[in-house]
C-alpha atoms as a PDB file:
ATOM      1  CA  MET A   1     -18.937  88.487 -18.780  1.00  0.00           C
ATOM      2  CA  THR A   2     -18.060  84.891 -17.982  1.00  0.00           C
ATOM      3  CA  ASN A   3     -15.258  83.375 -20.196  1.00  0.00           C
ATOM      4  CA  ASP A   4     -16.922  79.953 -20.397  1.00  0.00           C
ATOM      5  CA  PRO A   5     -19.313  79.224 -23.111  1.00  0.00           C
ATOM      6  CA  LEU A   6     -20.890  76.469 -21.077  1.00  0.00           C
ATOM      7  CA  PHE A   7     -22.897  79.349 -19.431  1.00  0.00           C
ATOM      8  CA  HIS A   8     -24.442  80.126 -22.744  1.00  0.00           C
ATOM      9  CA  PRO A   9     -28.315  79.822 -22.457  1.00  0.00           C
ATOM     10  CA  GLY A  10     -28.413  78.070 -25.718  1.00  0.00           C
ATOM     11  CA  TRP A  11     -26.104  75.525 -24.526  1.00  0.00           C
ATOM     12  CA  ILE A  12     -27.977  75.082 -21.306  1.00  0.00           C
ATOM     13  CA  ARG A  13     -31.241  74.617 -23.388  1.00  0.00           C
ATOM     14  CA  PHE A  14     -29.510  71.979 -25.574  1.00  0.00           C
ATOM     15  CA  ASN A  15     -28.641  69.937 -22.474  1.00  0.00           C
ATOM     16  CA  GLU A  16     -32.081  70.127 -21.212  1.00  0.00           C
ATOM     17  CA  GLN A  17     -33.741  69.153 -24.478  1.00  0.00           C
ATOM     18  CA  ARG A  18     -31.120  66.388 -25.778  1.00  0.00           C
ATOM     19  CA  TRP A  19     -30.583  64.792 -22.379  1.00  0.00           C
ATOM     20  CA  GLY A  20     -33.965  65.365 -20.585  1.00  0.00           C
ATOM     21  CA  LEU A  21     -32.465  67.230 -17.724  1.00  0.00           C
ATOM     22  CA  THR A  22     -33.416  70.187 -15.756  1.00  0.00           C
ATOM     23  CA  ALA A  23     -30.778  73.020 -15.493  1.00  0.00           C
ATOM     24  CA  GLU A  24     -30.223  74.816 -11.900  1.00  0.00           C
ATOM     25  CA  PRO A  25     -28.417  77.962 -12.105  1.00  0.00           C
ATOM     26  CA  LEU A  26     -26.819  78.918  -8.749  1.00  0.00           C
ATOM     27  CA  SER A  27     -25.310  81.980  -7.512  1.00  0.00           C
ATOM     28  CA  PHE A  28     -23.442  82.352  -4.111  1.00  0.00           C
ATOM     29  CA  THR A  29     -22.456  85.644  -2.453  1.00  0.00           C
ATOM     30  CA  PRO A  30     -21.204  86.401   1.016  1.00  0.00           C
ATOM     31  CA  GLU A  31     -23.871  87.093   3.930  1.00  0.00           C
ATOM     32  CA  LYS A  32     -22.615  90.525   4.121  1.00  0.00           C
ATOM     33  CA  GLY A  33     -21.004  92.822   1.426  1.00  0.00           C
ATOM     34  CA  ASP A  34     -20.234  92.113  -2.152  1.00  0.00           C
ATOM     35  CA  GLY A  35     -16.580  91.003  -1.789  1.00  0.00           C
ATOM     36  CA  TRP A  36     -17.128  87.987  -4.023  1.00  0.00           C
ATOM     37  CA  ARG A  37     -19.525  85.927  -6.061  1.00  0.00           C
ATOM     38  CA  LEU A  38     -19.693  82.417  -7.388  1.00  0.00           C
ATOM     39  CA  GLU A  39     -21.824  81.242 -10.203  1.00  0.00           C
ATOM     40  CA  THR A  40     -22.373  77.743 -11.611  1.00  0.00           C
ATOM     41  CA  VAL A  41     -25.036  75.718 -13.689  1.00  0.00           C
ATOM     42  CA  LEU A  42     -25.810  72.377 -12.105  1.00  0.00           C
ATOM     43  CA  TYR A  43     -28.232  69.685 -13.763  1.00  0.00           C
ATOM     44  CA  ARG A  44     -30.546  67.303 -12.249  1.00  0.00           C
ATOM     45  CA  ASN A  45     -32.164  64.133 -13.991  1.00  0.00           C
ATOM     46  CA  HIS A  46     -35.648  62.895 -13.804  1.00  0.00           C
ATOM     47  CA  GLN A  47     -34.950  61.536 -10.361  1.00  0.00           C
ATOM     48  CA  GLY A  48     -33.711  64.872  -9.062  1.00  0.00           C
ATOM     49  CA  ARG A  49     -30.062  63.689  -8.907  1.00  0.00           C
ATOM     50  CA  LEU A  50     -27.247  65.821  -9.862  1.00  0.00           C
ATOM     51  CA  VAL A  51     -25.281  64.734 -13.072  1.00  0.00           C
ATOM     52  CA  THR A  52     -22.717  65.968 -15.580  1.00  0.00           C
ATOM     53  CA  PRO A  53     -24.608  65.905 -18.685  1.00  0.00           C
ATOM     54  CA  PRO A  54     -23.315  63.721 -21.577  1.00  0.00           C
ATOM     55  CA  ARG A  55     -20.722  65.532 -23.834  1.00  0.00           C
ATOM     56  CA  ASN A  56     -20.253  68.119 -21.104  1.00  0.00           C
ATOM     57  CA  PRO A  57     -16.437  68.345 -20.459  1.00  0.00           C
ATOM     58  CA  HIS A  58     -17.271  70.215 -17.097  1.00  0.00           C
ATOM     59  CA  LEU A  59     -19.954  72.115 -15.210  1.00  0.00           C
ATOM     60  CA  PRO A  60     -19.129  75.781 -15.499  1.00  0.00           C
ATOM     61  CA  ILE A  61     -18.017  77.938 -12.543  1.00  0.00           C
ATOM     62  CA  ASP A  62     -17.402  81.509 -12.508  1.00  0.00           C
ATOM     63  CA  PHE A  63     -15.669  83.172  -9.510  1.00  0.00           C
ATOM     64  CA  GLN A  64     -15.430  86.868  -9.089  1.00  0.00           C
ATOM     65  CA  CYS A  65     -13.499  88.769  -6.458  1.00  0.00           C
ATOM     66  CA  ALA A  66     -13.392  92.433  -5.476  1.00  0.00           C
ATOM     67  CA  SER A  67      -9.742  92.176  -4.421  1.00  0.00           C
ATOM     68  CA  GLU A  68      -6.601  91.149  -6.427  1.00  0.00           C
ATOM     69  CA  ARG A  69      -4.574  90.612  -3.244  1.00  0.00           C
ATOM     70  CA  PRO A  70      -3.501  86.889  -3.139  1.00  0.00           C
ATOM     71  CA  ALA A  71      -4.296  86.459   0.364  1.00  0.00           C
ATOM     72  CA  SER A  72      -7.786  87.967   0.085  1.00  0.00           C
ATOM     73  CA  ARG A  73      -8.607  86.116  -3.255  1.00  0.00           C
ATOM     74  CA  ASN A  74      -7.526  82.801  -1.895  1.00  0.00           C
ATOM     75  CA  ARG A  75      -9.590  83.159   1.377  1.00  0.00           C
ATOM     76  CA  ARG A  76     -12.726  84.340  -0.467  1.00  0.00           C
ATOM     77  CA  LYS A  77     -12.436  81.624  -3.153  1.00  0.00           C
ATOM     78  CA  ARG A  78     -12.205  79.005  -0.282  1.00  0.00           C
ATOM     79  CA  LEU A  79     -15.341  80.524   1.259  1.00  0.00           C
ATOM     80  CA  ALA A  80     -17.028  80.373  -2.005  1.00  0.00           C
ATOM     81  CA  LEU A  81     -16.252  76.828  -2.711  1.00  0.00           C
ATOM     82  CA  THR A  82     -17.170  75.773   0.547  1.00  0.00           C
ATOM     83  CA  ARG A  83     -20.508  77.390   0.125  1.00  0.00           C
ATOM     84  CA  LEU A  84     -20.846  75.170  -3.039  1.00  0.00           C
ATOM     85  CA  ALA A  85     -19.796  72.161  -1.350  1.00  0.00           C
ATOM     86  CA  GLU A  86     -22.098  72.753   1.581  1.00  0.00           C
ATOM     87  CA  TYR A  87     -24.925  72.912  -1.097  1.00  0.00           C
ATOM     88  CA  LEU A  88     -23.743  69.767  -2.963  1.00  0.00           C
ATOM     89  CA  GLN A  89     -23.518  67.732   0.349  1.00  0.00           C
ATOM     90  CA  GLN A  90     -27.313  68.209   0.719  1.00  0.00           C
ATOM     91  CA  CYS A  91     -27.957  66.788  -2.937  1.00  0.00           C
ATOM     92  CA  GLU A  92     -27.840  63.260  -4.208  1.00  0.00           C
ATOM     93  CA  PHE A  93     -25.695  62.549  -7.248  1.00  0.00           C
ATOM     94  CA  GLY A  94     -26.228  60.573 -10.044  1.00  0.00           C
ATOM     95  CA  GLY A  95     -22.793  60.015 -10.976  1.00  0.00           C
ATOM     96  CA  SER A  96     -19.689  62.026 -10.507  1.00  0.00           C
ATOM     97  CA  LEU A  97     -19.580  65.791 -11.250  1.00  0.00           C
ATOM     98  CA  SER A  98     -17.073  67.145 -13.505  1.00  0.00           C
ATOM     99  CA  LEU A  99     -15.959  70.743 -12.216  1.00  0.00           C
ATOM    100  CA  SER A 100     -14.346  73.580 -14.152  1.00  0.00           C
ATOM    101  CA  SER A 101     -10.794  74.215 -13.558  1.00  0.00           C
ATOM    102  CA  GLU A 102     -11.940  77.377 -11.883  1.00  0.00           C
ATOM    103  CA  ALA A 103     -12.678  75.174  -8.749  1.00  0.00           C
ATOM    104  CA  ASP A 104      -8.903  74.898  -8.241  1.00  0.00           C
ATOM    105  CA  ASP A 105      -9.043  74.514  -4.478  1.00  0.00           C
ATOM    106  CA  VAL A 106     -10.649  70.938  -3.996  1.00  0.00           C
ATOM    107  CA  ARG A 107     -10.239  71.043  -0.193  1.00  0.00           C
ATOM    108  CA  PRO A 108     -13.863  72.201   0.658  1.00  0.00           C
ATOM    109  CA  PHE A 109     -15.208  69.237  -1.232  1.00  0.00           C
ATOM    110  CA  GLU A 110     -13.039  66.924   0.617  1.00  0.00           C
ATOM    111  CA  TRP A 111     -13.973  68.471   4.056  1.00  0.00           C
ATOM    112  CA  ALA A 112     -17.639  67.858   3.120  1.00  0.00           C
ATOM    113  CA  ASN A 113     -16.833  64.245   2.667  1.00  0.00           C
ATOM    114  CA  MET A 114     -16.581  64.089  -1.010  1.00  0.00           C
ATOM    115  CA  ALA A 115     -14.141  62.208  -3.024  1.00  0.00           C
ATOM    116  CA  ALA A 116     -12.068  64.091  -5.639  1.00  0.00           C
ATOM    117  CA  ARG A 117     -10.458  62.719  -8.867  1.00  0.00           C
ATOM    118  CA  PRO A 118      -7.948  64.666 -10.956  1.00  0.00           C
ATOM    119  CA  ARG A 119      -8.599  65.144 -14.626  1.00  0.00           C
ATOM    120  CA  PHE A 120      -6.462  66.898 -17.242  1.00  0.00           C
ATOM    121  CA  THR A 121      -6.524  69.342 -20.188  1.00  0.00           C
ATOM    122  CA  TYR A 122      -4.307  71.742 -21.947  1.00  0.00           C
ATOM    123  CA  HIS A 123      -4.937  75.471 -21.937  1.00  0.00           C
ATOM    124  CA  LEU A 124      -3.232  77.277 -24.991  1.00  0.00           C
ATOM    125  CA  ASP A 125      -2.764  81.065 -24.588  1.00  0.00           C
ATOM    126  CA  ILE A 126      -3.845  82.197 -28.066  1.00  0.00           C
ATOM    127  CA  ALA A 127      -1.922  85.396 -28.253  1.00  0.00           C
ATOM    128  CA  THR A 128       1.318  83.842 -27.584  1.00  0.00           C
ATOM    129  CA  ARG A 129       0.815  80.599 -29.358  1.00  0.00           C
ATOM    130  CA  GLU A 130       3.442  81.151 -31.893  1.00  0.00           C
ATOM    131  CA  GLU A 131       6.456  80.775 -29.499  1.00  0.00           C
ATOM    132  CA  ALA A 132       4.592  77.605 -27.878  1.00  0.00           C
ATOM    133  CA  ILE A 133       3.516  75.383 -30.660  1.00  0.00           C
ATOM    134  CA  ASP A 134       6.106  72.463 -31.624  1.00  0.00           C
ATOM    135  CA  PRO A 135       7.389  73.321 -35.172  1.00  0.00           C
ATOM    136  CA  ASN A 136       6.347  69.694 -36.127  1.00  0.00           C
ATOM    137  CA  ALA A 137       2.636  70.545 -35.637  1.00  0.00           C
ATOM    138  CA  ARG A 138       3.037  73.493 -38.152  1.00  0.00           C
ATOM    139  CA  LYS A 139       5.060  71.350 -40.500  1.00  0.00           C
ATOM    140  CA  LYS A 140       2.064  68.755 -40.838  1.00  0.00           C
ATOM    141  CA  ALA A 141      -0.456  71.556 -41.375  1.00  0.00           C
ATOM    142  CA  ARG A 142       1.785  72.813 -44.247  1.00  0.00           C
ATOM    143  CA  LYS A 143       2.063  69.281 -45.523  1.00  0.00           C
ATOM    144  CA  CYS A 144      -1.802  69.231 -45.602  1.00  0.00           C
ATOM    145  CA  ARG A 145      -2.124  72.325 -47.586  1.00  0.00           C
ATOM    146  CA  ARG A 146       0.406  71.106 -50.127  1.00  0.00           C
ATOM    147  CA  LEU A 147      -1.661  67.989 -50.617  1.00  0.00           C
ATOM    148  CA  GLY A 148      -4.496  70.411 -51.685  1.00  0.00           C
ATOM    149  CA  TYR A 149      -6.633  70.340 -48.584  1.00  0.00           C
ATOM    150  CA  VAL A 150      -8.507  73.569 -47.622  1.00  0.00           C
ATOM    151  CA  CYS A 151     -10.362  74.289 -44.336  1.00  0.00           C
ATOM    152  CA  GLU A 152     -13.411  76.363 -44.162  1.00  0.00           C
ATOM    153  CA  ILE A 153     -16.039  77.151 -41.687  1.00  0.00           C
ATOM    154  CA  THR A 154     -19.292  75.317 -42.549  1.00  0.00           C
ATOM    155  CA  GLU A 155     -22.892  74.796 -41.961  1.00  0.00           C
ATOM    156  CA  ASP A 156     -22.798  71.453 -43.740  1.00  0.00           C
ATOM    157  CA  TYR A 157     -23.659  69.339 -40.733  1.00  0.00           C
ATOM    158  CA  PRO A 158     -24.264  66.048 -42.547  1.00  0.00           C
ATOM    159  CA  ALA A 159     -20.480  66.323 -43.624  1.00  0.00           C
ATOM    160  CA  VAL A 160     -19.351  67.267 -40.076  1.00  0.00           C
ATOM    161  CA  ALA A 161     -21.204  64.296 -38.721  1.00  0.00           C
ATOM    162  CA  GLU A 162     -19.596  62.111 -41.195  1.00  0.00           C
ATOM    163  CA  CYS A 163     -16.139  63.212 -39.983  1.00  0.00           C
ATOM    164  CA  LEU A 164     -17.161  62.717 -36.578  1.00  0.00           C
ATOM    165  CA  ALA A 165     -18.015  59.011 -37.340  1.00  0.00           C
ATOM    166  CA  GLY A 166     -14.297  58.485 -37.938  1.00  0.00           C
ATOM    167  CA  PRO A 167     -13.007  58.280 -34.412  1.00  0.00           C
ATOM    168  CA  GLU A 168     -16.275  56.613 -33.373  1.00  0.00           C
ATOM    169  CA  ALA A 169     -15.404  53.768 -35.727  1.00  0.00           C
ATOM    170  CA  ARG A 170     -11.675  53.579 -34.728  1.00  0.00           C
ATOM    171  CA  LYS A 171     -12.039  53.957 -30.915  1.00  0.00           C
ATOM    172  CA  GLY A 172     -15.469  52.388 -30.389  1.00  0.00           C
ATOM    173  CA  PHE A 173     -17.214  55.284 -28.719  1.00  0.00           C
ATOM    174  CA  ASP A 174     -20.364  57.269 -29.654  1.00  0.00           C
ATOM    175  CA  TYR A 175     -20.441  61.078 -29.766  1.00  0.00           C
ATOM    176  CA  ARG A 176     -24.232  60.762 -29.793  1.00  0.00           C
ATOM    177  CA  LEU A 177     -24.518  63.483 -32.273  1.00  0.00           C
ATOM    178  CA  ASP A 178     -26.063  63.630 -35.632  1.00  0.00           C
ATOM    179  CA  ALA A 179     -26.538  66.244 -38.177  1.00  0.00           C
ATOM    180  CA  GLY A 180     -29.852  67.176 -36.785  1.00  0.00           C
ATOM    181  CA  GLU A 181     -28.503  67.696 -33.368  1.00  0.00           C
ATOM    182  CA  LEU A 182     -25.564  69.848 -34.685  1.00  0.00           C
ATOM    183  CA  SER A 183     -28.080  71.987 -36.441  1.00  0.00           C
ATOM    184  CA  ARG A 184     -30.247  72.415 -33.645  1.00  0.00           C
ATOM    185  CA  LEU A 185     -27.197  73.424 -31.293  1.00  0.00           C
ATOM    186  CA  ALA A 186     -25.941  75.859 -33.871  1.00  0.00           C
ATOM    187  CA  GLU A 187     -29.341  77.504 -33.964  1.00  0.00           C
ATOM    188  CA  LEU A 188     -29.520  77.587 -30.084  1.00  0.00           C
ATOM    189  CA  MET A 189     -26.011  79.161 -29.603  1.00  0.00           C
ATOM    190  CA  GLY A 190     -25.766  81.218 -32.850  1.00  0.00           C
ATOM    191  CA  PRO A 191     -22.668  81.773 -34.916  1.00  0.00           C
ATOM    192  CA  GLU A 192     -21.130  84.084 -32.279  1.00  0.00           C
ATOM    193  CA  HIS A 193     -20.798  81.010 -29.797  1.00  0.00           C
ATOM    194  CA  PHE A 194     -20.630  77.705 -32.148  1.00  0.00           C
ATOM    195  CA  VAL A 195     -18.620  76.976 -35.043  1.00  0.00           C
ATOM    196  CA  CYS A 196     -17.711  74.027 -37.194  1.00  0.00           C
ATOM    197  CA  PHE A 197     -14.465  73.821 -39.173  1.00  0.00           C
ATOM    198  CA  LEU A 198     -14.385  71.331 -42.112  1.00  0.00           C
ATOM    199  CA  ALA A 199     -11.322  70.137 -44.091  1.00  0.00           C
ATOM    200  CA  ARG A 200     -11.893  69.108 -47.628  1.00  0.00           C
ATOM    201  CA  SER A 201      -9.554  67.080 -49.791  1.00  0.00           C
ATOM    202  CA  SER A 202      -8.595  68.440 -53.348  1.00  0.00           C
ATOM    203  CA  GLU A 203     -11.464  66.303 -54.609  1.00  0.00           C
ATOM    204  CA  GLY A 204     -13.821  68.305 -52.506  1.00  0.00           C
ATOM    205  CA  LYS A 205     -14.465  65.406 -50.007  1.00  0.00           C
ATOM    206  CA  ALA A 206     -15.086  66.117 -46.299  1.00  0.00           C
ATOM    207  CA  MET A 207     -11.969  64.531 -44.495  1.00  0.00           C
ATOM    208  CA  GLY A 208     -11.729  66.303 -40.922  1.00  0.00           C
ATOM    209  CA  THR A 209     -13.650  68.335 -38.812  1.00  0.00           C
ATOM    210  CA  ARG A 210     -13.616  70.349 -35.380  1.00  0.00           C
ATOM    211  CA  VAL A 211     -16.643  71.562 -33.501  1.00  0.00           C
ATOM    212  CA  CYS A 212     -16.066  74.265 -30.965  1.00  0.00           C
ATOM    213  CA  LEU A 213     -17.974  76.464 -28.537  1.00  0.00           C
ATOM    214  CA  PHE A 214     -16.512  79.861 -27.795  1.00  0.00           C
ATOM    215  CA  THR A 215     -17.064  83.160 -25.970  1.00  0.00           C
ATOM    216  CA  PRO A 216     -15.856  86.189 -27.793  1.00  0.00           C
ATOM    217  CA  GLY A 217     -13.056  87.706 -25.669  1.00  0.00           C
ATOM    218  CA  GLY A 218     -13.058  84.561 -23.587  1.00  0.00           C
ATOM    219  CA  HIS A 219     -12.406  80.809 -23.966  1.00  0.00           C
ATOM    220  CA  ALA A 220     -12.884  78.443 -26.765  1.00  0.00           C
ATOM    221  CA  LEU A 221     -13.425  74.927 -26.273  1.00  0.00           C
ATOM    222  CA  ALA A 222     -12.344  72.066 -28.821  1.00  0.00           C
ATOM    223  CA  TRP A 223     -15.653  70.368 -28.043  1.00  0.00           C
ATOM    224  CA  SER A 224     -15.621  67.428 -30.739  1.00  0.00           C
ATOM    225  CA  ALA A 225     -13.230  66.418 -33.349  1.00  0.00           C
ATOM    226  CA  GLY A 226     -13.186  63.777 -36.057  1.00  0.00           C
ATOM    227  CA  MET A 227     -11.007  62.876 -38.865  1.00  0.00           C
ATOM    228  CA  LYS A 228     -11.226  60.111 -41.480  1.00  0.00           C
ATOM    229  CA  THR A 229      -8.939  57.353 -41.072  1.00  0.00           C
ATOM    230  CA  GLU A 230      -7.377  57.775 -44.608  1.00  0.00           C
ATOM    231  CA  ALA A 231      -6.586  61.563 -44.063  1.00  0.00           C
ATOM    232  CA  MET A 232      -4.876  60.958 -40.506  1.00  0.00           C
ATOM    233  CA  LYS A 233      -1.541  60.515 -42.272  1.00  0.00           C
ATOM    234  CA  ASP A 234      -1.950  63.850 -44.130  1.00  0.00           C
ATOM    235  CA  GLY A 235      -1.998  66.097 -41.138  1.00  0.00           C
ATOM    236  CA  VAL A 236      -5.576  66.986 -41.300  1.00  0.00           C
ATOM    237  CA  ASN A 237      -5.877  67.225 -37.647  1.00  0.00           C
ATOM    238  CA  ASN A 238      -3.141  70.066 -37.565  1.00  0.00           C
ATOM    239  CA  LEU A 239      -4.617  71.893 -40.352  1.00  0.00           C
ATOM    240  CA  VAL A 240      -7.928  72.089 -38.714  1.00  0.00           C
ATOM    241  CA  ALA A 241      -6.570  73.115 -35.451  1.00  0.00           C
ATOM    242  CA  GLU A 242      -4.426  75.769 -37.026  1.00  0.00           C
ATOM    243  CA  GLU A 243      -7.259  77.343 -38.682  1.00  0.00           C
ATOM    244  CA  ALA A 244      -9.471  77.178 -35.655  1.00  0.00           C
ATOM    245  CA  LEU A 245      -6.758  79.142 -33.655  1.00  0.00           C
ATOM    246  CA  ASP A 246      -6.474  81.775 -36.180  1.00  0.00           C
ATOM    247  CA  PHE A 247     -10.301  82.169 -36.255  1.00  0.00           C
ATOM    248  CA  PHE A 248     -10.344  82.466 -32.403  1.00  0.00           C
ATOM    249  CA  GLU A 249      -7.624  84.973 -32.422  1.00  0.00           C
ATOM    250  CA  ARG A 250      -9.797  87.186 -34.559  1.00  0.00           C
ATOM    251  CA  GLN A 251     -12.861  86.810 -32.113  1.00  0.00           C
ATOM    252  CA  GLY A 252     -10.463  87.984 -29.459  1.00  0.00           C
ATOM    253  CA  CYS A 253     -10.419  84.701 -27.491  1.00  0.00           C
ATOM    254  CA  THR A 254      -7.914  84.350 -24.894  1.00  0.00           C
ATOM    255  CA  VAL A 255      -7.621  80.452 -24.241  1.00  0.00           C
ATOM    256  CA  PHE A 256      -8.143  77.453 -26.261  1.00  0.00           C
ATOM    257  CA  ASP A 257      -9.139  74.630 -24.042  1.00  0.00           C
ATOM    258  CA  PHE A 258      -8.197  71.182 -25.858  1.00  0.00           C
ATOM    259  CA  ILE A 259     -10.846  69.338 -23.637  1.00  0.00           C
ATOM    260  CA  GLY A 260      -9.086  66.323 -22.120  1.00  0.00           C
ATOM    261  CA  ALA A 261      -5.654  64.817 -21.787  1.00  0.00           C
ATOM    262  CA  ASN A 262      -6.265  61.679 -19.827  1.00  0.00           C
ATOM    263  CA  ILE A 263      -5.451  59.041 -22.399  1.00  0.00           C
ATOM    264  CA  ALA A 264      -1.721  58.642 -23.242  1.00  0.00           C
ATOM    265  CA  PRO A 265      -2.038  58.866 -27.019  1.00  0.00           C
ATOM    266  CA  VAL A 266      -4.305  61.695 -26.823  1.00  0.00           C
ATOM    267  CA  ALA A 267      -2.066  63.725 -24.437  1.00  0.00           C
ATOM    268  CA  GLU A 268       0.931  63.079 -26.701  1.00  0.00           C
ATOM    269  CA  MET A 269      -1.019  64.651 -29.718  1.00  0.00           C
ATOM    270  CA  LYS A 270      -2.335  67.593 -27.787  1.00  0.00           C
ATOM    271  CA  GLU A 271       0.816  68.532 -25.815  1.00  0.00           C
ATOM    272  CA  ALA A 272       2.497  69.303 -29.246  1.00  0.00           C
ATOM    273  CA  TRP A 273       0.438  72.574 -29.459  1.00  0.00           C
ATOM    274  CA  GLY A 274       2.364  73.861 -26.297  1.00  0.00           C
ATOM    275  CA  GLY A 275      -0.525  74.525 -23.999  1.00  0.00           C
ATOM    276  CA  ARG A 276      -0.258  74.654 -20.225  1.00  0.00           C
ATOM    277  CA  LEU A 277      -1.257  71.320 -18.509  1.00  0.00           C
ATOM    278  CA  VAL A 278      -4.383  72.262 -16.351  1.00  0.00           C
ATOM    279  CA  CYS A 279      -5.924  70.046 -13.525  1.00  0.00           C
ATOM    280  CA  HIS A 280      -9.747  69.870 -12.892  1.00  0.00           C
ATOM    281  CA  TYR A 281     -11.585  67.728 -10.608  1.00  0.00           C
ATOM    282  CA  ALA A 282     -14.391  65.140 -10.841  1.00  0.00           C
ATOM    283  CA  ILE A 283     -15.983  64.752  -7.355  1.00  0.00           C
ATOM    284  CA  SER A 284     -18.282  62.083  -6.183  1.00  0.00           C
ATOM    285  CA  GLN A 285     -19.969  61.325  -2.831  1.00  0.00           C
ATOM    286  CA  ARG A 286     -18.444  58.736  -0.446  1.00  0.00           C
ATOM    287  CA  GLY A 287     -20.844  55.766  -0.437  1.00  0.00           C
ATOM    288  CA  ILE A 288     -20.179  52.264   0.333  1.00  0.00           C
ATOM    289  CA  ARG A 289     -18.852  51.587  -3.186  1.00  0.00           C
ATOM    290  CA  GLN A 290     -16.212  54.614  -3.046  1.00  0.00           C
ATOM    291  CA  LEU A 291     -15.067  53.660   0.431  1.00  0.00           C
ATOM    292  CA  ALA A 292     -14.764  49.957  -0.604  1.00  0.00           C
ATOM    293  CA  ARG A 293     -12.615  51.124  -3.786  1.00  0.00           C
ATOM    294  CA  GLU A 294     -10.557  53.525  -1.447  1.00  0.00           C
ATOM    295  CA  ALA A 295      -9.956  50.495   0.886  1.00  0.00           C
ATOM    296  CA  TYR A 296      -9.098  48.175  -2.015  1.00  0.00           C
ATOM    297  CA  VAL A 297      -6.532  50.843  -3.292  1.00  0.00           C
ATOM    298  CA  THR A 298      -4.909  51.352   0.054  1.00  0.00           C
ATOM    299  CA  ALA A 299      -4.556  47.718   0.619  1.00  0.00           C
ATOM    300  CA  ARG A 300      -2.829  47.072  -2.529  1.00  0.00           C
ATOM    301  CA  THR A 301      -0.336  50.052  -1.929  1.00  0.00           C
ATOM    302  CA  LEU A 302       0.379  48.514   1.407  1.00  0.00           C
ATOM    303  CA  MET A 303       1.003  45.030   0.200  1.00  0.00           C
ATOM    304  CA  LYS A 304       3.425  46.447  -2.556  1.00  0.00           C
ATOM    305  CA  ARG A 305       5.398  48.194   0.070  1.00  0.00           C
ATOM    306  CA  GLU A 306       5.838  45.133   2.208  1.00  0.00           C
ATOM    307  CA  SER A 307       6.877  42.924  -0.640  1.00  0.00           C
ATOM    308  CA  LYS A 308       9.916  45.295  -1.321  1.00  0.00           C
END
């Protein structure tokens, strides 16, 4: 069983239907023996170029190794990622590819003349979260309950979409998801892998939501979240996160991935939950534009040093 819900057939089908892409599941094994296996799912656009689909935090990667000995595991993972890098080297990219944090050795991609840019997220160990979470995060959730808010698992997708519109209006971005798309994704993945949490005020109004993808016994991904502006001060975000963590503990999930910690205010909010800072990489091909950018950055660095 893979830990990452982005391997789910329903998720793959959603990406193909919603974004007009073609999925390409891949499996790499050694030429001899069965000492390791690496699996992933890539996506191609209409031009046949590899892309990271919109609303995908990463491309899933699963690595299995027959040995737990660190020396053997490190060598076999390097060999497996080298095979993946060699495959990607023969393809044309339609943008950068965001890889799962499972690809924690980026050297094979750099050796294959690709550029790698670090990205960050937080992974919270669900079983030990009580000792990790900042007490202030719990305090805000308690405040929210005192104000009469309740959080429920819901199939009220219009209400969920209404809450997702909150950060879209505040931050000027587009989730590119309406109630119909949420309903279709729920149908494709099923309640064993897709769940929406919805917080309502004491008057019954929908005020905040979190949409998650998960694998029972594996990882849960905080895929999308939205809180109405007037509810932010009430701690709605904390209430929904706390309810989600309790739910995923009951599902036997091991890790809650907060999905993204690359913007300062977002990172500050997510770090309060005590997760481990995790690096993953976005890789791109070294074309003329990439080389020009690297030359510009190098020149600026040298100029700063000389001016000191």
